[in-house]
Amino acid sequence: MLDRPAAAADPLAAILVCLDFGDPAFGQDVEEVVRLVESAGVTRHQLVRGRRSRPDPKFYAGVGKVGEIARAAAELNAMHVVFNHELSAAQERNLERELQRRVMDRTELILEIFAQRAQTTEGKLQVELARLEHLSTRLVRGWTHLERQRGGLGKTGGPGETQLELDRRYIARRVRVLKEKLEGLQNRRQLQRRARVRRDVLSISIAGYTNAGKSTLFNALAHAKAYEADQLFATLDTTTRRLWLPEAGPVVVSDTVGFIRSLPHSLIAAFRATLEETVRADLLLHVVDAASAARAEQAAEVDKVLGEIGADAVPKIAVWNKIDCAHLEPAVERDQYGKISRVLVSARTGAGLEGLRGAIAEFARDRAAARGAAPSEPLSVHHTH
């Protein structure tokens, strides 16, 4: 559920604002933000759309559109107004003063979902770091709602200069503590990674757009029980399993957080340690929702983030998932050099999984041949988080 401001409105109701600036993917963006707010716990929502050539400097939307938003919020008794855009601190402040409701932009909405999903200690630390670094950009003079809506910053006075300095010092101090804790966890992961390298264990990372079916595929491959749900960011914390695949030998498979369009840079930075499992992997399985009309754009967004974190050089196999929904047949496809480039599967039904296991085994054999070594002996099957 979204954060609750001090108002007698419905905390599960929200107005969604989507403005079209000429982007051909506007319709897909609208569908995505609806899924995002539903993933955040909103049960009632209303869309307010509009067309503009560029954002309004004061309200992002025009004055007339802000009036329409206010009327819609009153009719729905909505506690939240969510913009599917990036708002500046001043625009967010101006909108909250005008609408007298909690206003969130796309970044804050994603941060809220991440905060709800984090389960492990590391995941919670990473989300808190991202939220504090984002909040630090929102500390401006006269933002009087900070005490009741942003919470947790130990306020003893008003929202004047002294309070802003207290808030800034608190955030800076907490950020340092969080970074130190995350660094310790990262060092531990590096030790585990070096141990796998010494044993020559094949490391596989599963990545893809959110809700592409990564966790379902992970569970099918590793016989694991990672959380699955038809919602965005159902899985947040990286989960790792060791297993034995015939012909491939011991394999370590990691299920990572899903990517999304305009993933906040603060989240990418905060989750960099976790995402290093992707960067350091021997093989990357890029899971694509074969049933999605936006699969090409979603795959491009994932490739963009992989490039940002330095994982674009990792050998990759595209795994088109949900072929049962797309009415496609299982297949293993190769590029012009004879290398496996794409595997079509249904993680839910199991169709095509043998082909994927065979593709992994082939990669392992080629890797072993390149190193002049045979696949390793089996490891005992266990898991780490």
Protein backbone atom coordinates (compact mmCIF):
# COMPACT_ATOMS: atom_id res chain seq x y z
CA MET A 1 0.00 0.00 0.00
CA LEU A 2 1.26 3.50 -0.80
CA ASP A 3 2.37 5.83 1.98
CA ARG A 4 -0.60 7.37 3.80
CA PRO A 5 -0.72 11.17 4.19
CA ALA A 6 -2.73 12.88 6.91
CA ALA A 7 -6.03 13.24 5.08
CA ALA A 8 -9.49 11.64 5.26
CA ALA A 9 -9.21 10.10 1.81
CA ASP A 10 -9.01 6.54 0.54
CA PRO A 11 -5.38 5.31 0.81
CA LEU A 12 -6.08 2.61 -1.80
CA ALA A 13 -7.34 5.08 -4.43
CA ALA A 14 -5.15 7.04 -6.83
CA ILE A 15 -5.38 9.30 -9.84
CA LEU A 16 -2.89 8.35 -12.58
CA VAL A 17 -1.63 11.17 -14.77
CA CYS A 18 -0.22 10.22 -18.18
CA LEU A 19 0.72 13.00 -20.58
CA ASP A 20 1.48 12.29 -24.23
CA PHE A 21 4.44 14.24 -25.60
CA GLY A 22 4.37 12.40 -28.92
CA ASP A 23 6.00 9.16 -27.79
CA PRO A 24 4.80 6.27 -30.03
CA ALA A 25 4.97 3.95 -26.98
CA PHE A 26 2.51 6.10 -25.01
CA GLY A 27 -0.19 3.43 -24.95
CA GLN A 28 2.24 0.86 -23.56
CA ASP A 29 3.40 3.37 -20.92
CA VAL A 30 -0.20 3.83 -19.76
CA GLU A 31 -0.71 0.08 -19.40
CA GLU A 32 2.54 -0.19 -17.47
CA VAL A 33 1.78 2.52 -14.91
CA VAL A 34 -1.61 0.91 -14.24
CA ARG A 35 0.20 -2.34 -13.42
CA LEU A 36 2.71 -0.44 -11.30
CA VAL A 37 0.10 1.19 -9.06
CA GLU A 38 -1.77 -2.09 -8.76
CA SER A 39 1.50 -3.72 -7.70
CA ALA A 40 1.84 -0.98 -5.08
CA GLY A 41 -1.52 -1.92 -3.56
CA VAL A 42 -3.91 0.54 -5.22
CA THR A 43 -7.34 -1.02 -5.75
CA ARG A 44 -9.21 1.96 -7.26
CA HIS A 45 -7.75 4.31 -9.81
CA GLN A 46 -8.72 6.70 -12.55
CA LEU A 47 -6.65 7.75 -15.54
CA VAL A 48 -6.23 11.39 -16.50
CA ARG A 49 -4.61 11.76 -19.91
CA GLY A 50 -3.46 14.80 -21.80
CA ARG A 51 -1.41 15.99 -24.77
CA ARG A 52 1.35 18.54 -24.54
CA SER A 53 4.32 19.61 -26.63
CA ARG A 54 6.48 19.98 -23.49
CA PRO A 55 6.08 19.93 -19.70
CA ASP A 56 4.80 23.00 -17.86
CA PRO A 57 7.63 24.46 -15.71
CA LYS A 58 5.41 24.95 -12.65
CA PHE A 59 3.01 21.98 -12.60
CA TYR A 60 4.39 19.68 -15.35
CA ALA A 61 0.74 19.53 -16.53
CA GLY A 62 -1.05 22.72 -17.56
CA VAL A 63 -3.25 24.70 -15.19
CA GLY A 64 -6.42 23.40 -16.84
CA LYS A 65 -5.23 19.80 -16.56
CA VAL A 66 -4.37 20.32 -12.89
CA GLY A 67 -7.96 21.43 -12.34
CA GLU A 68 -9.18 18.25 -14.07
CA ILE A 69 -6.90 16.18 -11.83
CA ALA A 70 -8.28 17.93 -8.73
CA ARG A 71 -11.87 17.20 -9.74
CA ALA A 72 -11.09 13.54 -10.48
CA ALA A 73 -9.33 13.16 -7.13
CA ALA A 74 -12.31 14.66 -5.31
CA GLU A 75 -14.78 12.38 -7.12
CA LEU A 76 -12.73 9.26 -6.37
CA ASN A 77 -11.78 10.49 -2.87
CA ALA A 78 -8.24 9.52 -3.87
CA MET A 79 -5.40 10.02 -1.44
CA HIS A 80 -2.67 9.85 -4.10
CA VAL A 81 -1.93 11.46 -7.45
CA VAL A 82 0.69 9.53 -9.43
CA PHE A 83 2.44 11.06 -12.42
CA ASN A 84 3.93 8.55 -14.85
CA HIS A 85 6.76 11.01 -15.40
CA GLU A 86 9.79 12.42 -13.61
CA LEU A 87 8.82 15.54 -11.65
CA SER A 88 11.23 18.11 -10.31
CA ALA A 89 11.16 18.84 -6.58
CA ALA A 90 9.52 22.21 -7.26
CA GLN A 91 6.84 20.73 -9.53
CA GLU A 92 6.00 18.06 -6.96
CA ARG A 93 5.77 20.68 -4.20
CA ASN A 94 3.59 22.99 -6.33
CA LEU A 95 1.24 20.15 -7.24
CA GLU A 96 0.83 19.05 -3.62
CA ARG A 97 0.00 22.58 -2.55
CA GLU A 98 -2.52 22.92 -5.38
CA LEU A 99 -4.12 19.47 -5.05
CA GLN A 100 -3.80 19.02 -1.27
CA ARG A 101 -2.95 15.39 -1.89
CA ARG A 102 0.15 13.24 -1.88
CA VAL A 103 1.84 13.50 -5.28
CA MET A 104 4.27 10.86 -6.48
CA ASP A 105 6.27 10.69 -9.68
CA ARG A 106 7.35 7.52 -11.48
CA THR A 107 10.61 7.22 -9.54
CA GLU A 108 8.88 7.44 -6.15
CA LEU A 109 6.27 4.90 -7.24
CA ILE A 110 8.95 2.37 -8.21
CA LEU A 111 10.86 3.07 -4.99
CA GLU A 112 7.67 2.41 -3.02
CA ILE A 113 7.16 -0.95 -4.74
CA PHE A 114 10.78 -1.90 -4.12
CA ALA A 115 10.36 -1.03 -0.44
CA GLN A 116 7.35 -3.35 -0.23
CA ARG A 117 9.11 -6.21 -2.02
CA ALA A 118 12.51 -6.29 -0.27
CA GLN A 119 12.82 -9.33 1.97
CA THR A 120 16.51 -9.88 2.70
CA THR A 121 18.70 -7.61 4.80
CA GLU A 122 20.68 -6.55 1.74
CA GLY A 123 17.56 -5.80 -0.28
CA LYS A 124 16.14 -3.62 2.49
CA LEU A 125 19.44 -1.75 2.84
CA GLN A 126 19.61 -1.14 -0.89
CA VAL A 127 16.06 0.20 -1.03
CA GLU A 128 16.57 2.46 1.97
CA LEU A 129 19.73 3.85 0.38
CA ALA A 130 17.94 4.57 -2.89
CA ARG A 131 15.00 6.23 -1.10
CA LEU A 132 17.21 8.43 1.06
CA GLU A 133 19.32 9.55 -1.89
CA HIS A 134 16.14 10.39 -3.80
CA LEU A 135 14.68 12.18 -0.76
CA SER A 136 17.82 14.28 -0.43
CA THR A 137 16.96 15.92 -3.77
CA ARG A 138 13.49 16.78 -2.41
CA LEU A 139 14.67 18.77 0.65
CA VAL A 140 13.83 22.34 -0.27
CA ARG A 141 12.91 25.41 1.74
CA GLY A 142 9.26 25.63 2.69
CA TRP A 143 8.24 22.05 1.96
CA THR A 144 5.93 22.03 4.96
CA HIS A 145 4.38 18.60 4.36
CA LEU A 146 7.72 16.83 4.94
CA GLU A 147 7.00 16.16 8.62
CA ARG A 148 3.71 14.36 8.09
CA GLN A 149 4.39 12.59 4.80
CA ARG A 150 8.06 11.78 4.45
CA GLY A 151 8.44 10.72 8.09
CA GLY A 152 11.34 9.32 10.04
CA LEU A 153 13.60 12.34 10.06
CA GLY A 154 13.40 13.23 13.78
CA LYS A 155 11.83 16.67 13.60
CA THR A 156 11.86 19.02 16.58
CA GLY A 157 10.90 22.28 14.95
CA GLY A 158 9.38 23.80 11.84
CA PRO A 159 10.39 23.34 8.22
CA GLY A 160 12.82 26.26 8.17
CA GLU A 161 16.55 26.41 7.47
CA THR A 162 17.52 24.69 10.73
CA GLN A 163 15.22 21.77 10.06
CA LEU A 164 16.51 21.38 6.51
CA GLU A 165 20.07 21.20 7.81
CA LEU A 166 19.05 18.60 10.39
CA ASP A 167 17.38 16.54 7.69
CA ARG A 168 20.39 16.80 5.39
CA ARG A 169 22.80 15.76 8.13
CA TYR A 170 20.60 12.84 9.15
CA ILE A 171 20.36 11.61 5.56
CA ALA A 172 24.10 12.02 4.90
CA ARG A 173 24.95 10.13 8.09
CA ARG A 174 22.49 7.32 7.36
CA VAL A 175 23.69 7.02 3.74
CA ARG A 176 27.27 6.52 4.95
CA VAL A 177 26.16 3.77 7.34
CA LEU A 178 24.14 2.01 4.64
CA LYS A 179 27.00 2.14 2.14
CA GLU A 180 29.39 0.66 4.69
CA LYS A 181 27.00 -2.22 5.44
CA LEU A 182 26.43 -2.89 1.75
CA GLU A 183 30.17 -2.84 1.11
CA GLY A 184 30.60 -5.56 3.75
CA LEU A 185 27.93 -7.70 2.08
CA GLN A 186 29.52 -7.09 -1.30
CA ASN A 187 32.91 -8.26 -0.01
CA ARG A 188 31.30 -11.45 1.27
CA ARG A 189 29.74 -12.07 -2.14
CA GLN A 190 33.11 -11.55 -3.82
CA LEU A 191 34.63 -14.23 -1.58
CA GLN A 192 31.85 -16.64 -2.57
CA ARG A 193 32.38 -15.75 -6.23
CA ARG A 194 36.14 -16.40 -6.01
CA ALA A 195 35.44 -19.78 -4.43
CA ARG A 196 33.20 -20.68 -7.37
CA VAL A 197 35.89 -19.61 -9.84
CA ARG A 198 38.46 -21.81 -8.08
CA ARG A 199 36.11 -24.77 -8.45
CA ASP A 200 35.42 -23.75 -12.07
CA VAL A 201 31.68 -23.65 -11.47
CA LEU A 202 29.59 -22.29 -14.34
CA SER A 203 27.75 -19.14 -13.22
CA ILE A 204 24.44 -18.27 -14.91
CA SER A 205 22.42 -15.13 -14.29
CA ILE A 206 18.76 -14.72 -15.27
CA ALA A 207 17.81 -11.18 -16.24
CA GLY A 208 14.92 -9.57 -18.06
CA TYR A 209 12.08 -7.09 -18.00
CA THR A 210 9.88 -7.20 -14.95
CA ASN A 211 7.12 -9.84 -15.11
CA ALA A 212 8.78 -11.67 -18.03
CA GLY A 213 8.68 -14.88 -16.00
CA LYS A 214 12.25 -14.95 -14.65
CA SER A 215 11.35 -16.46 -11.28
CA THR A 216 9.15 -19.10 -12.90
CA LEU A 217 12.04 -20.06 -15.18
CA PHE A 218 14.45 -20.01 -12.25
CA ASN A 219 12.20 -22.33 -10.27
CA ALA A 220 11.78 -24.67 -13.24
CA LEU A 221 15.54 -24.90 -13.82
CA ALA A 222 16.66 -25.06 -10.19
CA HIS A 223 13.63 -26.87 -8.69
CA ALA A 224 13.48 -23.93 -6.29
CA LYS A 225 10.60 -22.09 -4.65
CA ALA A 226 11.29 -18.44 -5.42
CA TYR A 227 8.21 -16.21 -5.14
CA GLU A 228 6.14 -16.00 -8.33
CA ALA A 229 3.27 -13.63 -9.04
CA ASP A 230 1.65 -11.93 -12.01
CA GLN A 231 2.74 -8.48 -10.89
CA LEU A 232 5.58 -6.09 -11.54
CA PHE A 233 8.68 -6.56 -9.36
CA ALA A 234 7.32 -9.70 -7.69
CA THR A 235 10.95 -10.66 -7.05
CA LEU A 236 13.40 -8.10 -5.74
CA ASP A 237 16.11 -9.92 -3.82
CA THR A 238 18.69 -11.90 -5.77
CA THR A 239 18.36 -15.62 -5.12
CA THR A 240 21.10 -18.13 -5.99
CA ARG A 241 20.89 -21.91 -6.34
CA ARG A 242 23.53 -24.51 -7.04
CA LEU A 243 22.47 -27.46 -9.13
CA TRP A 244 23.83 -30.24 -11.29
CA LEU A 245 22.95 -30.38 -14.96
CA PRO A 246 23.90 -33.47 -16.98
CA GLU A 247 26.79 -32.68 -19.36
CA ALA A 248 27.14 -29.18 -17.88
CA GLY A 249 28.30 -30.22 -14.42
CA PRO A 250 27.81 -27.92 -11.42
CA VAL A 251 25.97 -24.72 -12.20
CA VAL A 252 25.15 -21.68 -10.08
CA VAL A 253 21.96 -19.93 -11.21
CA SER A 254 21.01 -16.44 -9.95
CA ASP A 255 17.60 -14.81 -10.32
CA THR A 256 17.93 -11.02 -10.33
CA VAL A 257 15.60 -8.05 -9.99
CA GLY A 258 13.57 -7.20 -13.08
CA PHE A 259 14.29 -4.13 -15.16
CA ILE A 260 11.77 -1.58 -16.38
CA ARG A 261 11.65 1.47 -18.62
CA SER A 262 13.22 4.52 -16.99
CA LEU A 263 14.49 2.50 -14.03
CA PRO A 264 15.61 5.18 -11.54
CA HIS A 265 19.38 5.67 -11.61
CA SER A 266 19.38 5.77 -7.81
CA LEU A 267 18.05 2.21 -7.83
CA ILE A 268 20.63 1.04 -10.34
CA ALA A 269 23.35 2.56 -8.18
CA ALA A 270 21.95 1.13 -4.93
CA PHE A 271 21.55 -2.34 -6.44
CA ARG A 272 24.91 -2.32 -8.20
CA ALA A 273 26.37 -4.84 -5.73
CA THR A 274 23.50 -7.25 -6.33
CA LEU A 275 23.58 -6.68 -10.07
CA GLU A 276 27.25 -7.64 -10.08
CA GLU A 277 26.01 -11.24 -10.12
CA THR A 278 24.88 -10.39 -13.65
CA VAL A 279 28.12 -8.62 -14.58
CA ARG A 280 30.32 -11.46 -13.28
CA ALA A 281 28.26 -14.31 -14.72
CA ASP A 282 29.68 -16.67 -17.34
CA LEU A 283 26.35 -16.82 -19.16
CA LEU A 284 23.34 -14.51 -19.16
CA LEU A 285 19.83 -15.77 -19.85
CA HIS A 286 17.85 -12.76 -21.06
CA VAL A 287 14.20 -13.68 -20.48
CA VAL A 288 11.72 -12.02 -22.85
CA ASP A 289 7.93 -12.16 -22.55
CA ALA A 290 7.07 -13.67 -25.92
CA ALA A 291 3.38 -12.84 -25.41
CA SER A 292 3.95 -9.11 -24.90
CA ALA A 293 3.27 -6.76 -27.80
CA ALA A 294 6.07 -4.57 -26.43
CA ARG A 295 8.67 -7.36 -26.22
CA ALA A 296 11.12 -5.65 -28.60
CA GLU A 297 11.03 -2.39 -26.62
CA GLN A 298 11.28 -4.26 -23.32
CA ALA A 299 14.27 -6.27 -24.53
CA ALA A 300 15.94 -3.04 -25.66
CA GLU A 301 15.41 -1.50 -22.19
CA VAL A 302 17.03 -4.53 -20.55
CA ASP A 303 19.99 -4.33 -22.94
CA LYS A 304 20.31 -0.64 -22.10
CA VAL A 305 20.54 -1.29 -18.35
CA LEU A 306 22.90 -4.24 -18.90
CA GLY A 307 25.15 -1.83 -20.78
CA GLU A 308 24.97 0.68 -17.91
CA ILE A 309 26.12 -1.90 -15.36
CA GLY A 310 28.82 -3.30 -17.63
CA ALA A 311 27.15 -6.63 -18.39
CA ASP A 312 26.79 -6.16 -22.15
CA ALA A 313 29.98 -8.19 -22.79
CA VAL A 314 28.66 -11.29 -20.97
CA PRO A 315 27.73 -14.15 -23.38
CA LYS A 316 23.95 -14.12 -23.71
CA ILE A 317 21.14 -16.41 -24.79
CA ALA A 318 17.71 -14.88 -25.37
CA VAL A 319 15.00 -17.00 -23.74
CA TRP A 320 11.56 -16.28 -25.13
CA ASN A 321 9.22 -17.31 -22.34
CA LYS A 322 5.40 -17.73 -22.22
CA ILE A 323 5.24 -19.33 -25.68
CA ASP A 324 2.06 -21.08 -24.55
CA CYS A 325 0.40 -17.65 -24.37
CA ALA A 326 1.96 -16.53 -27.67
CA HIS A 327 0.97 -19.74 -29.53
CA LEU A 328 4.58 -20.51 -30.45
CA GLU A 329 6.35 -23.85 -30.53
CA PRO A 330 9.47 -24.76 -28.50
CA ALA A 331 12.63 -24.18 -30.52
CA VAL A 332 16.39 -23.68 -30.29
CA GLU A 333 17.63 -21.11 -32.79
CA ARG A 334 21.21 -20.41 -33.89
CA ASP A 335 23.01 -17.42 -35.35
CA GLN A 336 25.03 -17.34 -38.56
CA TYR A 337 28.05 -18.78 -36.72
CA GLY A 338 26.13 -21.77 -35.40
CA LYS A 339 25.96 -20.46 -31.83
CA ILE A 340 22.66 -20.74 -29.95
CA SER A 341 21.07 -17.29 -29.93
CA ARG A 342 17.49 -17.89 -28.83
CA VAL A 343 15.48 -20.58 -27.08
CA LEU A 344 11.67 -20.62 -27.03
CA VAL A 345 10.17 -22.04 -23.83
CA SER A 346 7.23 -22.00 -21.47
CA ALA A 347 8.55 -22.05 -17.92
CA ARG A 348 4.99 -22.58 -16.67
CA THR A 349 4.24 -25.71 -18.73
CA GLY A 350 7.83 -26.95 -19.11
CA ALA A 351 7.73 -26.87 -22.91
CA GLY A 352 11.19 -26.25 -24.36
CA LEU A 353 13.05 -26.54 -21.05
CA GLU A 354 15.01 -29.58 -22.25
CA GLY A 355 16.19 -27.49 -25.18
CA LEU A 356 17.30 -24.75 -22.78
CA ARG A 357 19.16 -27.24 -20.59
CA GLY A 358 20.82 -28.56 -23.73
CA ALA A 359 21.82 -25.01 -24.71
CA ILE A 360 23.39 -24.48 -21.28
CA ALA A 361 25.21 -27.81 -21.56
CA GLU A 362 26.51 -26.85 -25.01
CA PHE A 363 27.78 -23.54 -23.67
CA ALA A 364 29.49 -25.37 -20.79
CA ARG A 365 31.18 -27.81 -23.18
CA ASP A 366 32.41 -24.99 -25.43
CA ARG A 367 33.68 -23.10 -22.38
CA ALA A 368 35.48 -26.18 -21.04
CA ALA A 369 37.00 -26.88 -24.47
CA ALA A 370 38.24 -23.30 -24.72
CA ARG A 371 39.91 -23.72 -21.33
CA GLY A 372 41.20 -27.19 -22.13
CA ALA A 373 39.28 -28.72 -19.21
CA ALA A 374 36.43 -31.12 -18.65
CA PRO A 375 33.25 -30.18 -16.75
CA SER A 376 33.66 -30.32 -12.99
CA GLU A 377 32.45 -33.01 -10.61
CA PRO A 378 29.00 -32.58 -9.01
CA LEU A 379 28.56 -30.27 -6.08
CA SER A 380 26.11 -30.90 -3.28
CA VAL A 381 22.90 -29.04 -4.00
CA HIS A 382 22.17 -26.19 -1.62
CA HIS A 383 21.22 -22.56 -1.85
CA THR A 384 22.22 -19.13 -0.68
CA HIS A 385 20.46 -15.81 -0.60
